[in-house]
């Protein structure tokens, strides 16, 4: 039974729909909670068709993702017992518990969330695990927003300035590029902290 290919093809059709931004927003909400296809699959064709609106589309996707990740956190906080069988069924139990351990420490959880935007683990696992251990919401929100905004605006930037070749390159090099962005963000935050302490 084929599941992901038909979904992928359907998302590509949605990208050409007149109401594509609204569909992208809805898809971004759902992906952060349960939908298995990343919104970049739809964001890519939309940004390629209207490169002058790439950042606008990225902002739409991020807005939906922020709502979805808050829903995921809430579900993990209040309804983990109902969701855990599904997490086990899809083979993410060990990863889930590992993220739980990190999220139980606000700083480690914050770092894990920042990295989570660029690793091949569904981000919904991070949001559910953060809620499950009652990670402080501010630390959760900051880490998750940094992760997803970095990824979606990086994706939009590459398409805006690189076109179709840039999109293909990003799919191939997303991991090292993502780590570079995270290290750059860490360096900026570290410099701001150091300046505040010695200013």
C-alpha atoms as a PDB file:
ATOM      1  CA  UNK A   1       0.000   0.000   0.000  1.00  0.00           C
ATOM      2  CA  UNK A   2       1.455   3.334  -1.063  1.00  0.00           C
ATOM      3  CA  UNK A   3       0.799   6.153   1.386  1.00  0.00           C
ATOM      4  CA  UNK A   4       3.433   8.861   1.055  1.00  0.00           C
ATOM      5  CA  UNK A   5       3.702   9.080  -2.747  1.00  0.00           C
ATOM      6  CA  UNK A   6      -0.015   9.866  -3.267  1.00  0.00           C
ATOM      7  CA  UNK A   7       0.142  12.429  -0.441  1.00  0.00           C
ATOM      8  CA  UNK A   8       3.251  13.985  -1.979  1.00  0.00           C
ATOM      9  CA  UNK A   9       1.592  14.221  -5.397  1.00  0.00           C
ATOM     10  CA  UNK A  10      -1.552  15.705  -3.856  1.00  0.00           C
ATOM     11  CA  UNK A  11       0.476  18.390  -2.070  1.00  0.00           C
ATOM     12  CA  UNK A  12       2.111  19.370  -5.366  1.00  0.00           C
ATOM     13  CA  UNK A  13      -1.367  19.840  -6.857  1.00  0.00           C
ATOM     14  CA  UNK A  14      -2.366  22.014  -3.893  1.00  0.00           C
ATOM     15  CA  UNK A  15       0.676  24.241  -4.529  1.00  0.00           C
ATOM     16  CA  UNK A  16      -0.874  25.422  -7.804  1.00  0.00           C
ATOM     17  CA  UNK A  17      -4.295  26.078  -6.260  1.00  0.00           C
ATOM     18  CA  UNK A  18      -5.556  29.714  -6.137  1.00  0.00           C
ATOM     19  CA  UNK A  19      -5.917  29.359  -2.357  1.00  0.00           C
ATOM     20  CA  UNK A  20      -2.455  27.833  -1.965  1.00  0.00           C
ATOM     21  CA  UNK A  21      -1.360  30.163   0.906  1.00  0.00           C
ATOM     22  CA  UNK A  22      -4.370  29.134   3.015  1.00  0.00           C
ATOM     23  CA  UNK A  23      -3.715  25.476   2.210  1.00  0.00           C
ATOM     24  CA  UNK A  24      -0.020  25.924   3.100  1.00  0.00           C
ATOM     25  CA  UNK A  25      -0.987  27.470   6.447  1.00  0.00           C
ATOM     26  CA  UNK A  26      -3.400  24.629   7.237  1.00  0.00           C
ATOM     27  CA  UNK A  27      -0.881  22.009   6.139  1.00  0.00           C
ATOM     28  CA  UNK A  28       1.799  23.590   8.341  1.00  0.00           C
ATOM     29  CA  UNK A  29      -0.511  23.417  11.359  1.00  0.00           C
ATOM     30  CA  UNK A  30      -1.351  19.777  10.666  1.00  0.00           C
ATOM     31  CA  UNK A  31       2.262  18.737   9.951  1.00  0.00           C
ATOM     32  CA  UNK A  32       3.378  19.992  13.347  1.00  0.00           C
ATOM     33  CA  UNK A  33       0.775  17.717  14.972  1.00  0.00           C
ATOM     34  CA  UNK A  34       0.222  14.645  12.788  1.00  0.00           C
ATOM     35  CA  UNK A  35       0.555  15.165   8.995  1.00  0.00           C
ATOM     36  CA  UNK A  36       3.502  13.137   7.568  1.00  0.00           C
ATOM     37  CA  UNK A  37       4.533  15.458   4.695  1.00  0.00           C
ATOM     38  CA  UNK A  38       6.754  18.477   5.449  1.00  0.00           C
ATOM     39  CA  UNK A  39       5.273  21.838   4.335  1.00  0.00           C
ATOM     40  CA  UNK A  40       8.449  22.588   2.347  1.00  0.00           C
ATOM     41  CA  UNK A  41       7.105  20.178  -0.275  1.00  0.00           C
ATOM     42  CA  UNK A  42       4.358  22.706  -0.956  1.00  0.00           C
ATOM     43  CA  UNK A  43       6.352  25.831  -0.105  1.00  0.00           C
ATOM     44  CA  UNK A  44       8.994  24.932  -2.723  1.00  0.00           C
ATOM     45  CA  UNK A  45       6.765  25.027  -5.836  1.00  0.00           C
ATOM     46  CA  UNK A  46       4.944  28.100  -4.524  1.00  0.00           C
ATOM     47  CA  UNK A  47       8.198  29.990  -3.962  1.00  0.00           C
ATOM     48  CA  UNK A  48       9.550  28.908  -7.340  1.00  0.00           C
ATOM     49  CA  UNK A  49       6.410  30.155  -9.102  1.00  0.00           C
ATOM     50  CA  UNK A  50       6.488  33.525  -7.266  1.00  0.00           C
ATOM     51  CA  UNK A  51      10.049  34.085  -6.059  1.00  0.00           C
ATOM     52  CA  UNK A  52       9.161  37.682  -5.150  1.00  0.00           C
ATOM     53  CA  UNK A  53       6.774  36.249  -2.537  1.00  0.00           C
ATOM     54  CA  UNK A  54       9.062  33.513  -1.198  1.00  0.00           C
ATOM     55  CA  UNK A  55       9.473  35.150   2.222  1.00  0.00           C
ATOM     56  CA  UNK A  56       5.760  35.886   2.468  1.00  0.00           C
ATOM     57  CA  UNK A  57       4.975  32.221   1.843  1.00  0.00           C
ATOM     58  CA  UNK A  58       7.642  31.233   4.385  1.00  0.00           C
ATOM     59  CA  UNK A  59       5.997  33.492   6.986  1.00  0.00           C
ATOM     60  CA  UNK A  60       2.617  31.883   6.267  1.00  0.00           C
ATOM     61  CA  UNK A  61       4.119  28.434   6.773  1.00  0.00           C
ATOM     62  CA  UNK A  62       5.875  29.501   9.975  1.00  0.00           C
ATOM     63  CA  UNK A  63       2.659  30.965  11.378  1.00  0.00           C
ATOM     64  CA  UNK A  64       0.871  27.669  10.848  1.00  0.00           C
ATOM     65  CA  UNK A  65       3.770  25.713  12.312  1.00  0.00           C
ATOM     66  CA  UNK A  66       3.836  27.864  15.469  1.00  0.00           C
ATOM     67  CA  UNK A  67       0.153  27.125  16.082  1.00  0.00           C
ATOM     68  CA  UNK A  68       0.703  23.434  15.342  1.00  0.00           C
ATOM     69  CA  UNK A  69       3.703  23.098  17.645  1.00  0.00           C
ATOM     70  CA  UNK A  70       1.721  24.684  20.497  1.00  0.00           C
ATOM     71  CA  UNK A  71      -1.058  22.158  19.875  1.00  0.00           C
ATOM     72  CA  UNK A  72       1.542  19.359  19.898  1.00  0.00           C
ATOM     73  CA  UNK A  73       2.982  20.626  23.189  1.00  0.00           C
ATOM     74  CA  UNK A  74      -0.510  20.762  24.704  1.00  0.00           C
ATOM     75  CA  UNK A  75      -1.308  17.224  23.548  1.00  0.00           C
ATOM     76  CA  UNK A  76       1.927  15.953  25.044  1.00  0.00           C
ATOM     77  CA  UNK A  77       1.164  17.802  28.287  1.00  0.00           C
ATOM     78  CA  UNK A  78      -2.402  16.543  28.729  1.00  0.00           C
ATOM     79  CA  UNK A  79      -2.982  13.527  26.458  1.00  0.00           C
ATOM     80  CA  UNK A  80       0.264  11.547  26.199  1.00  0.00           C
ATOM     81  CA  UNK A  81      -1.367   8.290  27.332  1.00  0.00           C
ATOM     82  CA  UNK A  82      -3.671   8.415  24.297  1.00  0.00           C
ATOM     83  CA  UNK A  83      -0.844   9.197  21.855  1.00  0.00           C
ATOM     84  CA  UNK A  84       1.908   6.915  23.156  1.00  0.00           C
ATOM     85  CA  UNK A  85       0.566   3.777  21.394  1.00  0.00           C
ATOM     86  CA  UNK A  86       0.853   5.597  18.059  1.00  0.00           C
ATOM     87  CA  UNK A  87       4.387   6.757  18.854  1.00  0.00           C
ATOM     88  CA  UNK A  88       5.324   3.155  19.626  1.00  0.00           C
ATOM     89  CA  UNK A  89       3.520   1.845  16.535  1.00  0.00           C
ATOM     90  CA  UNK A  90       5.491   4.100  14.188  1.00  0.00           C
ATOM     91  CA  UNK A  91       8.822   3.169  15.784  1.00  0.00           C
ATOM     92  CA  UNK A  92       9.667   6.428  17.573  1.00  0.00           C
ATOM     93  CA  UNK A  93       9.441   5.227  21.191  1.00  0.00           C
ATOM     94  CA  UNK A  94      13.193   5.200  21.912  1.00  0.00           C
ATOM     95  CA  UNK A  95      13.742   8.552  20.172  1.00  0.00           C
ATOM     96  CA  UNK A  96      10.769   9.986  22.055  1.00  0.00           C
ATOM     97  CA  UNK A  97      12.151   8.930  25.432  1.00  0.00           C
ATOM     98  CA  UNK A  98      15.595  10.284  24.544  1.00  0.00           C
ATOM     99  CA  UNK A  99      14.079  13.671  23.701  1.00  0.00           C
ATOM    100  CA  UNK A 100      12.055  13.512  26.928  1.00  0.00           C
ATOM    101  CA  UNK A 101      15.288  13.194  28.911  1.00  0.00           C
ATOM    102  CA  UNK A 102      16.763  16.226  27.184  1.00  0.00           C
ATOM    103  CA  UNK A 103      13.572  18.276  27.476  1.00  0.00           C
ATOM    104  CA  UNK A 104      13.383  17.618  31.222  1.00  0.00           C
ATOM    105  CA  UNK A 105      16.304  20.068  31.497  1.00  0.00           C
ATOM    106  CA  UNK A 106      15.161  23.432  30.029  1.00  0.00           C
ATOM    107  CA  UNK A 107      18.568  24.328  28.565  1.00  0.00           C
ATOM    108  CA  UNK A 108      19.199  20.890  27.060  1.00  0.00           C
ATOM    109  CA  UNK A 109      15.637  20.852  25.794  1.00  0.00           C
ATOM    110  CA  UNK A 110      16.096  24.272  24.199  1.00  0.00           C
ATOM    111  CA  UNK A 111      19.226  23.080  22.383  1.00  0.00           C
ATOM    112  CA  UNK A 112      17.525  19.849  21.294  1.00  0.00           C
ATOM    113  CA  UNK A 113      14.618  21.810  19.844  1.00  0.00           C
ATOM    114  CA  UNK A 114      16.952  24.156  17.951  1.00  0.00           C
ATOM    115  CA  UNK A 115      18.682  21.153  16.416  1.00  0.00           C
ATOM    116  CA  UNK A 116      15.356  19.390  15.840  1.00  0.00           C
ATOM    117  CA  UNK A 117      14.498  21.581  12.876  1.00  0.00           C
ATOM    118  CA  UNK A 118      17.339  20.060  10.856  1.00  0.00           C
ATOM    119  CA  UNK A 119      17.382  16.376  11.803  1.00  0.00           C
ATOM    120  CA  UNK A 120      15.416  13.577  10.079  1.00  0.00           C
ATOM    121  CA  UNK A 121      13.052  13.110  13.040  1.00  0.00           C
ATOM    122  CA  UNK A 122       9.460  14.387  12.786  1.00  0.00           C
ATOM    123  CA  UNK A 123       9.324  17.653  14.698  1.00  0.00           C
ATOM    124  CA  UNK A 124       6.026  16.575  16.256  1.00  0.00           C
ATOM    125  CA  UNK A 125       8.042  14.070  18.324  1.00  0.00           C
ATOM    126  CA  UNK A 126       9.961  17.000  19.833  1.00  0.00           C
ATOM    127  CA  UNK A 127       6.806  18.991  20.590  1.00  0.00           C
ATOM    128  CA  UNK A 128       4.973  16.041  22.164  1.00  0.00           C
ATOM    129  CA  UNK A 129       8.002  15.055  24.275  1.00  0.00           C
ATOM    130  CA  UNK A 130       8.453  18.651  25.467  1.00  0.00           C
ATOM    131  CA  UNK A 131       4.857  18.788  26.622  1.00  0.00           C
ATOM    132  CA  UNK A 132       5.061  15.328  28.191  1.00  0.00           C
ATOM    133  CA  UNK A 133       7.804  16.402  30.621  1.00  0.00           C
ATOM    134  CA  UNK A 134       6.185  19.807  31.218  1.00  0.00           C
ATOM    135  CA  UNK A 135       9.155  21.683  29.778  1.00  0.00           C
ATOM    136  CA  UNK A 136       8.804  25.423  30.605  1.00  0.00           C
ATOM    137  CA  UNK A 137       6.687  26.817  27.791  1.00  0.00           C
ATOM    138  CA  UNK A 138       8.887  29.857  27.160  1.00  0.00           C
ATOM    139  CA  UNK A 139      11.994  27.703  26.625  1.00  0.00           C
ATOM    140  CA  UNK A 140       9.985  25.328  24.429  1.00  0.00           C
ATOM    141  CA  UNK A 141       8.475  28.140  22.370  1.00  0.00           C
ATOM    142  CA  UNK A 142      11.822  29.898  21.870  1.00  0.00           C
ATOM    143  CA  UNK A 143      13.699  26.745  20.826  1.00  0.00           C
ATOM    144  CA  UNK A 144      10.953  25.448  18.550  1.00  0.00           C
ATOM    145  CA  UNK A 145      10.421  28.832  16.877  1.00  0.00           C
ATOM    146  CA  UNK A 146      14.158  29.303  16.262  1.00  0.00           C
ATOM    147  CA  UNK A 147      14.354  25.828  14.722  1.00  0.00           C
ATOM    148  CA  UNK A 148      11.404  26.152  12.384  1.00  0.00           C
ATOM    149  CA  UNK A 149      11.959  29.784  11.392  1.00  0.00           C
ATOM    150  CA  UNK A 150      15.618  29.076  10.590  1.00  0.00           C
ATOM    151  CA  UNK A 151      14.665  26.133   8.415  1.00  0.00           C
ATOM    152  CA  UNK A 152      11.733  27.687   6.563  1.00  0.00           C
ATOM    153  CA  UNK A 153      13.419  31.034   5.833  1.00  0.00           C
ATOM    154  CA  UNK A 154      16.657  29.313   4.822  1.00  0.00           C
ATOM    155  CA  UNK A 155      14.611  27.180   2.434  1.00  0.00           C
ATOM    156  CA  UNK A 156      12.819  30.248   1.028  1.00  0.00           C
ATOM    157  CA  UNK A 157      16.096  32.174   0.652  1.00  0.00           C
ATOM    158  CA  UNK A 158      17.760  29.421  -1.338  1.00  0.00           C
ATOM    159  CA  UNK A 159      14.777  29.196  -3.704  1.00  0.00           C
ATOM    160  CA  UNK A 160      14.423  32.974  -3.983  1.00  0.00           C
ATOM    161  CA  UNK A 161      18.042  33.465  -5.024  1.00  0.00           C
ATOM    162  CA  UNK A 162      18.877  30.068  -6.503  1.00  0.00           C
ATOM    163  CA  UNK A 163      15.678  28.996  -8.242  1.00  0.00           C
ATOM    164  CA  UNK A 164      15.143  25.339  -9.098  1.00  0.00           C
ATOM    165  CA  UNK A 165      18.875  24.550  -8.884  1.00  0.00           C
ATOM    166  CA  UNK A 166      18.977  26.077  -5.434  1.00  0.00           C
ATOM    167  CA  UNK A 167      16.050  23.958  -4.275  1.00  0.00           C
ATOM    168  CA  UNK A 168      17.710  20.760  -5.529  1.00  0.00           C
ATOM    169  CA  UNK A 169      20.985  21.749  -3.835  1.00  0.00           C
ATOM    170  CA  UNK A 170      19.199  22.450  -0.542  1.00  0.00           C
ATOM    171  CA  UNK A 171      17.590  19.013  -0.498  1.00  0.00           C
ATOM    172  CA  UNK A 172      21.038  17.502  -0.952  1.00  0.00           C
ATOM    173  CA  UNK A 173      22.917  19.653   1.560  1.00  0.00           C
ATOM    174  CA  UNK A 174      20.224  20.511   4.151  1.00  0.00           C
ATOM    175  CA  UNK A 175      22.086  18.812   7.016  1.00  0.00           C
ATOM    176  CA  UNK A 176      25.467  20.635   6.809  1.00  0.00           C
ATOM    177  CA  UNK A 177      23.796  23.925   5.877  1.00  0.00           C
ATOM    178  CA  UNK A 178      21.421  23.573   8.819  1.00  0.00           C
ATOM    179  CA  UNK A 179      24.299  22.932  11.226  1.00  0.00           C
ATOM    180  CA  UNK A 180      26.127  25.972   9.881  1.00  0.00           C
ATOM    181  CA  UNK A 181      23.071  28.166  10.507  1.00  0.00           C
ATOM    182  CA  UNK A 182      22.705  26.799  14.039  1.00  0.00           C
ATOM    183  CA  UNK A 183      26.390  27.403  14.825  1.00  0.00           C
ATOM    184  CA  UNK A 184      26.085  30.932  13.462  1.00  0.00           C
ATOM    185  CA  UNK A 185      23.025  31.566  15.654  1.00  0.00           C
ATOM    186  CA  UNK A 186      24.854  30.133  18.686  1.00  0.00           C
ATOM    187  CA  UNK A 187      27.843  32.405  18.004  1.00  0.00           C
ATOM    188  CA  UNK A 188      25.580  35.476  17.769  1.00  0.00           C
ATOM    189  CA  UNK A 189      23.740  34.585  20.999  1.00  0.00           C
ATOM    190  CA  UNK A 190      27.061  33.911  22.765  1.00  0.00           C
ATOM    191  CA  UNK A 191      28.469  37.246  21.637  1.00  0.00           C
ATOM    192  CA  UNK A 192      25.339  39.104  22.815  1.00  0.00           C
ATOM    193  CA  UNK A 193      25.521  37.374  26.219  1.00  0.00           C
ATOM    194  CA  UNK A 194      29.251  38.143  26.556  1.00  0.00           C
ATOM    195  CA  UNK A 195      28.655  41.766  25.566  1.00  0.00           C
ATOM    196  CA  UNK A 196      25.849  42.059  28.129  1.00  0.00           C
ATOM    197  CA  UNK A 197      28.096  40.685  30.883  1.00  0.00           C
ATOM    198  CA  UNK A 198      31.052  42.889  30.012  1.00  0.00           C
ATOM    199  CA  UNK A 199      29.291  45.939  28.670  1.00  0.00           C
END
